[in-house]
C-alpha atoms as a PDB file:
ATOM      1  CA  UNK A   1     139.886 141.823  65.735  1.00  0.00           C
ATOM      2  CA  UNK A   2     138.334 142.574  68.960  1.00  0.00           C
ATOM      3  CA  UNK A   3     137.892 139.929  71.689  1.00  0.00           C
ATOM      4  CA  UNK A   4     134.542 139.598  73.363  1.00  0.00           C
ATOM      5  CA  UNK A   5     134.382 139.454  77.109  1.00  0.00           C
ATOM      6  CA  UNK A   6     132.811 136.061  78.079  1.00  0.00           C
ATOM      7  CA  UNK A   7     130.647 137.702  80.771  1.00  0.00           C
ATOM      8  CA  UNK A   8     128.755 139.638  78.069  1.00  0.00           C
ATOM      9  CA  UNK A   9     127.673 136.644  75.966  1.00  0.00           C
ATOM     10  CA  UNK A  10     124.059 135.539  75.647  1.00  0.00           C
ATOM     11  CA  UNK A  11     122.949 133.235  78.459  1.00  0.00           C
ATOM     12  CA  UNK A  12     122.231 129.640  77.500  1.00  0.00           C
ATOM     13  CA  UNK A  13     118.798 128.282  78.563  1.00  0.00           C
ATOM     14  CA  UNK A  14     119.448 124.794  77.294  1.00  0.00           C
ATOM     15  CA  UNK A  15     120.721 123.394  80.607  1.00  0.00           C
ATOM     16  CA  UNK A  16     118.242 124.898  83.089  1.00  0.00           C
ATOM     17  CA  UNK A  17     117.073 122.625  85.927  1.00  0.00           C
ATOM     18  CA  UNK A  18     113.450 122.447  87.215  1.00  0.00           C
ATOM     19  CA  UNK A  19     110.016 121.301  86.147  1.00  0.00           C
ATOM     20  CA  UNK A  20     107.592 122.915  83.776  1.00  0.00           C
ATOM     21  CA  UNK A  21     104.036 123.971  84.427  1.00  0.00           C
ATOM     22  CA  UNK A  22     102.751 121.074  82.273  1.00  0.00           C
ATOM     23  CA  UNK A  23     104.630 118.569  84.437  1.00  0.00           C
ATOM     24  CA  UNK A  24     103.123 120.082  87.596  1.00  0.00           C
ATOM     25  CA  UNK A  25      99.620 119.898  86.107  1.00  0.00           C
ATOM     26  CA  UNK A  26     100.083 116.260  85.065  1.00  0.00           C
ATOM     27  CA  UNK A  27     101.293 115.418  88.590  1.00  0.00           C
ATOM     28  CA  UNK A  28      98.243 117.156  90.093  1.00  0.00           C
ATOM     29  CA  UNK A  29      95.871 115.239  87.816  1.00  0.00           C
ATOM     30  CA  UNK A  30      97.480 111.915  88.787  1.00  0.00           C
ATOM     31  CA  UNK A  31      97.336 112.849  92.483  1.00  0.00           C
ATOM     32  CA  UNK A  32      93.660 113.833  92.156  1.00  0.00           C
ATOM     33  CA  UNK A  33      92.758 110.529  90.512  1.00  0.00           C
ATOM     34  CA  UNK A  34      94.596 108.531  93.194  1.00  0.00           C
ATOM     35  CA  UNK A  35      92.892 110.468  96.011  1.00  0.00           C
ATOM     36  CA  UNK A  36      89.481 110.073  94.330  1.00  0.00           C
ATOM     37  CA  UNK A  37      89.915 106.298  94.003  1.00  0.00           C
ATOM     38  CA  UNK A  38      91.117 106.091  97.605  1.00  0.00           C
ATOM     39  CA  UNK A  39      88.120 108.013  98.925  1.00  0.00           C
ATOM     40  CA  UNK A  40      85.700 105.853  96.912  1.00  0.00           C
ATOM     41  CA  UNK A  41      87.317 102.695  98.276  1.00  0.00           C
ATOM     42  CA  UNK A  42      87.156 104.050 101.818  1.00  0.00           C
ATOM     43  CA  UNK A  43      83.466 104.893 101.408  1.00  0.00           C
ATOM     44  CA  UNK A  44      82.729 101.410 100.080  1.00  0.00           C
ATOM     45  CA  UNK A  45      84.593  99.859 103.014  1.00  0.00           C
ATOM     46  CA  UNK A  46      82.586 101.898 105.511  1.00  0.00           C
ATOM     47  CA  UNK A  47      79.315 100.882 103.837  1.00  0.00           C
ATOM     48  CA  UNK A  48      80.323  97.227 103.905  1.00  0.00           C
ATOM     49  CA  UNK A  49      81.259  97.498 107.582  1.00  0.00           C
ATOM     50  CA  UNK A  50      77.884  99.032 108.444  1.00  0.00           C
ATOM     51  CA  UNK A  51      76.107  96.285 106.490  1.00  0.00           C
ATOM     52  CA  UNK A  52      78.094  93.550 108.249  1.00  0.00           C
ATOM     53  CA  UNK A  53      77.459  95.108 111.661  1.00  0.00           C
ATOM     54  CA  UNK A  54      73.731  95.334 111.007  1.00  0.00           C
ATOM     55  CA  UNK A  55      73.537  91.767 109.652  1.00  0.00           C
ATOM     56  CA  UNK A  56      75.559  90.375 112.551  1.00  0.00           C
ATOM     57  CA  UNK A  57      73.481  92.128 115.205  1.00  0.00           C
ATOM     58  CA  UNK A  58      70.249  91.070 113.491  1.00  0.00           C
ATOM     59  CA  UNK A  59      71.462  87.469 113.427  1.00  0.00           C
ATOM     60  CA  UNK A  60      72.267  87.642 117.137  1.00  0.00           C
ATOM     61  CA  UNK A  61      68.755  88.940 117.804  1.00  0.00           C
ATOM     62  CA  UNK A  62      67.300  86.057 115.750  1.00  0.00           C
ATOM     63  CA  UNK A  63      69.416  83.534 117.656  1.00  0.00           C
ATOM     64  CA  UNK A  64      68.269  85.014 120.966  1.00  0.00           C
ATOM     65  CA  UNK A  65      64.618  84.724 119.897  1.00  0.00           C
ATOM     66  CA  UNK A  66      65.116  81.138 118.701  1.00  0.00           C
ATOM     67  CA  UNK A  67      66.715  80.260 122.033  1.00  0.00           C
ATOM     68  CA  UNK A  68      63.739  81.760 123.881  1.00  0.00           C
ATOM     69  CA  UNK A  69      61.341  79.654 121.808  1.00  0.00           C
ATOM     70  CA  UNK A  70      63.321  76.434 122.226  1.00  0.00           C
ATOM     71  CA  UNK A  71      63.540  76.881 126.002  1.00  0.00           C
ATOM     72  CA  UNK A  72      59.792  77.401 126.484  1.00  0.00           C
ATOM     73  CA  UNK A  73      58.171  74.453 128.257  1.00  0.00           C
ATOM     74  CA  UNK A  74      55.033  74.569 126.076  1.00  0.00           C
ATOM     75  CA  UNK A  75      54.791  73.367 122.497  1.00  0.00           C
ATOM     76  CA  UNK A  76      54.783  76.389 120.128  1.00  0.00           C
ATOM     77  CA  UNK A  77      51.454  76.966 118.422  1.00  0.00           C
ATOM     78  CA  UNK A  78      51.374  77.391 114.652  1.00  0.00           C
ATOM     79  CA  UNK A  79      50.919  80.826 113.157  1.00  0.00           C
ATOM     80  CA  UNK A  80      52.728  84.134 112.873  1.00  0.00           C
ATOM     81  CA  UNK A  81      53.629  86.451 115.756  1.00  0.00           C
ATOM     82  CA  UNK A  82      55.750  89.572 115.894  1.00  0.00           C
ATOM     83  CA  UNK A  83      57.295  91.878 118.433  1.00  0.00           C
ATOM     84  CA  UNK A  84      60.496  93.638 119.318  1.00  0.00           C
ATOM     85  CA  UNK A  85      63.522  92.756 121.367  1.00  0.00           C
ATOM     86  CA  UNK A  86      64.951  94.723 124.172  1.00  0.00           C
ATOM     87  CA  UNK A  87      67.860  96.896 123.160  1.00  0.00           C
ATOM     88  CA  UNK A  88      70.683  94.939 121.552  1.00  0.00           C
ATOM     89  CA  UNK A  89      73.901  96.763 120.631  1.00  0.00           C
ATOM     90  CA  UNK A  90      72.202 100.148 120.922  1.00  0.00           C
ATOM     91  CA  UNK A  91      69.195  99.312 118.711  1.00  0.00           C
ATOM     92  CA  UNK A  92      65.732  97.866 119.121  1.00  0.00           C
ATOM     93  CA  UNK A  93      65.222  94.928 116.755  1.00  0.00           C
ATOM     94  CA  UNK A  94      61.828  93.907 115.359  1.00  0.00           C
ATOM     95  CA  UNK A  95      61.136  90.226 114.801  1.00  0.00           C
ATOM     96  CA  UNK A  96      58.446  88.070 113.290  1.00  0.00           C
ATOM     97  CA  UNK A  97      58.128  84.347 113.994  1.00  0.00           C
ATOM     98  CA  UNK A  98      56.235  81.869 111.855  1.00  0.00           C
ATOM     99  CA  UNK A  99      55.661  78.387 113.241  1.00  0.00           C
ATOM    100  CA  UNK A 100      54.435  75.754 110.763  1.00  0.00           C
ATOM    101  CA  UNK A 101      53.673  72.048 110.829  1.00  0.00           C
ATOM    102  CA  UNK A 102      56.075  69.674 109.127  1.00  0.00           C
ATOM    103  CA  UNK A 103      55.445  66.315 107.486  1.00  0.00           C
ATOM    104  CA  UNK A 104      57.102  64.640 110.473  1.00  0.00           C
ATOM    105  CA  UNK A 105      54.756  64.128 113.372  1.00  0.00           C
ATOM    106  CA  UNK A 106      55.887  65.885 116.567  1.00  0.00           C
ATOM    107  CA  UNK A 107      58.147  68.363 114.726  1.00  0.00           C
ATOM    108  CA  UNK A 108      57.489  72.036 113.940  1.00  0.00           C
ATOM    109  CA  UNK A 109      59.420  74.472 111.790  1.00  0.00           C
ATOM    110  CA  UNK A 110      60.238  77.913 113.209  1.00  0.00           C
ATOM    111  CA  UNK A 111      61.247  80.737 110.885  1.00  0.00           C
ATOM    112  CA  UNK A 112      62.399  84.016 112.415  1.00  0.00           C
ATOM    113  CA  UNK A 113      62.945  87.249 110.485  1.00  0.00           C
ATOM    114  CA  UNK A 114      64.617  90.220 112.171  1.00  0.00           C
ATOM    115  CA  UNK A 115      64.777  93.814 110.987  1.00  0.00           C
ATOM    116  CA  UNK A 116      66.015  97.003 112.558  1.00  0.00           C
ATOM    117  CA  UNK A 117      63.412  99.231 110.913  1.00  0.00           C
ATOM    118  CA  UNK A 118      59.829  98.157 111.660  1.00  0.00           C
ATOM    119  CA  UNK A 119      58.598  99.625 108.341  1.00  0.00           C
ATOM    120  CA  UNK A 120      61.181  97.733 106.252  1.00  0.00           C
ATOM    121  CA  UNK A 121      59.494  95.145 103.978  1.00  0.00           C
ATOM    122  CA  UNK A 122      62.465  92.786 103.951  1.00  0.00           C
ATOM    123  CA  UNK A 123      64.607  91.584 106.789  1.00  0.00           C
ATOM    124  CA  UNK A 124      68.181  92.040 107.967  1.00  0.00           C
ATOM    125  CA  UNK A 125      68.562  88.410 109.027  1.00  0.00           C
ATOM    126  CA  UNK A 126      66.514  85.228 109.058  1.00  0.00           C
ATOM    127  CA  UNK A 127      66.911  81.985 110.931  1.00  0.00           C
ATOM    128  CA  UNK A 128      65.149  78.633 110.556  1.00  0.00           C
ATOM    129  CA  UNK A 129      65.020  75.979 113.237  1.00  0.00           C
ATOM    130  CA  UNK A 130      62.966  72.985 114.305  1.00  0.00           C
ATOM    131  CA  UNK A 131      61.472  72.011 117.624  1.00  0.00           C
ATOM    132  CA  UNK A 132      60.299  68.561 118.612  1.00  0.00           C
ATOM    133  CA  UNK A 133      57.630  67.608 121.107  1.00  0.00           C
ATOM    134  CA  UNK A 134      59.114  66.354 124.371  1.00  0.00           C
END
């Protein structure tokens, strides 16, 4: 019987190391989903930050207007007025003030609404205060 040289035997593929194309594709799909979720979360965070900035600045503008009204020496007349502030944090803010009578004599209610866009129907911030006759 003839002996076979071991270097001429069929190679064995059973113990090959490495990853298959399917494994690479699955890893890419998982990576894509994680990146997509991360980008969506980042976008939502940026939107929330812009909203909070706008609301905070609008509230500051409303507080400034309320302070102006409370420091005036004359009693505020009832009715609605509107105008715009000087630049605050790089934007011009539009306000409307409504002064109304209350059931208490010598006390008036002041409601201030502030918006960044003059054509916006709603408001970015509102503030209510009361002023008494001195």
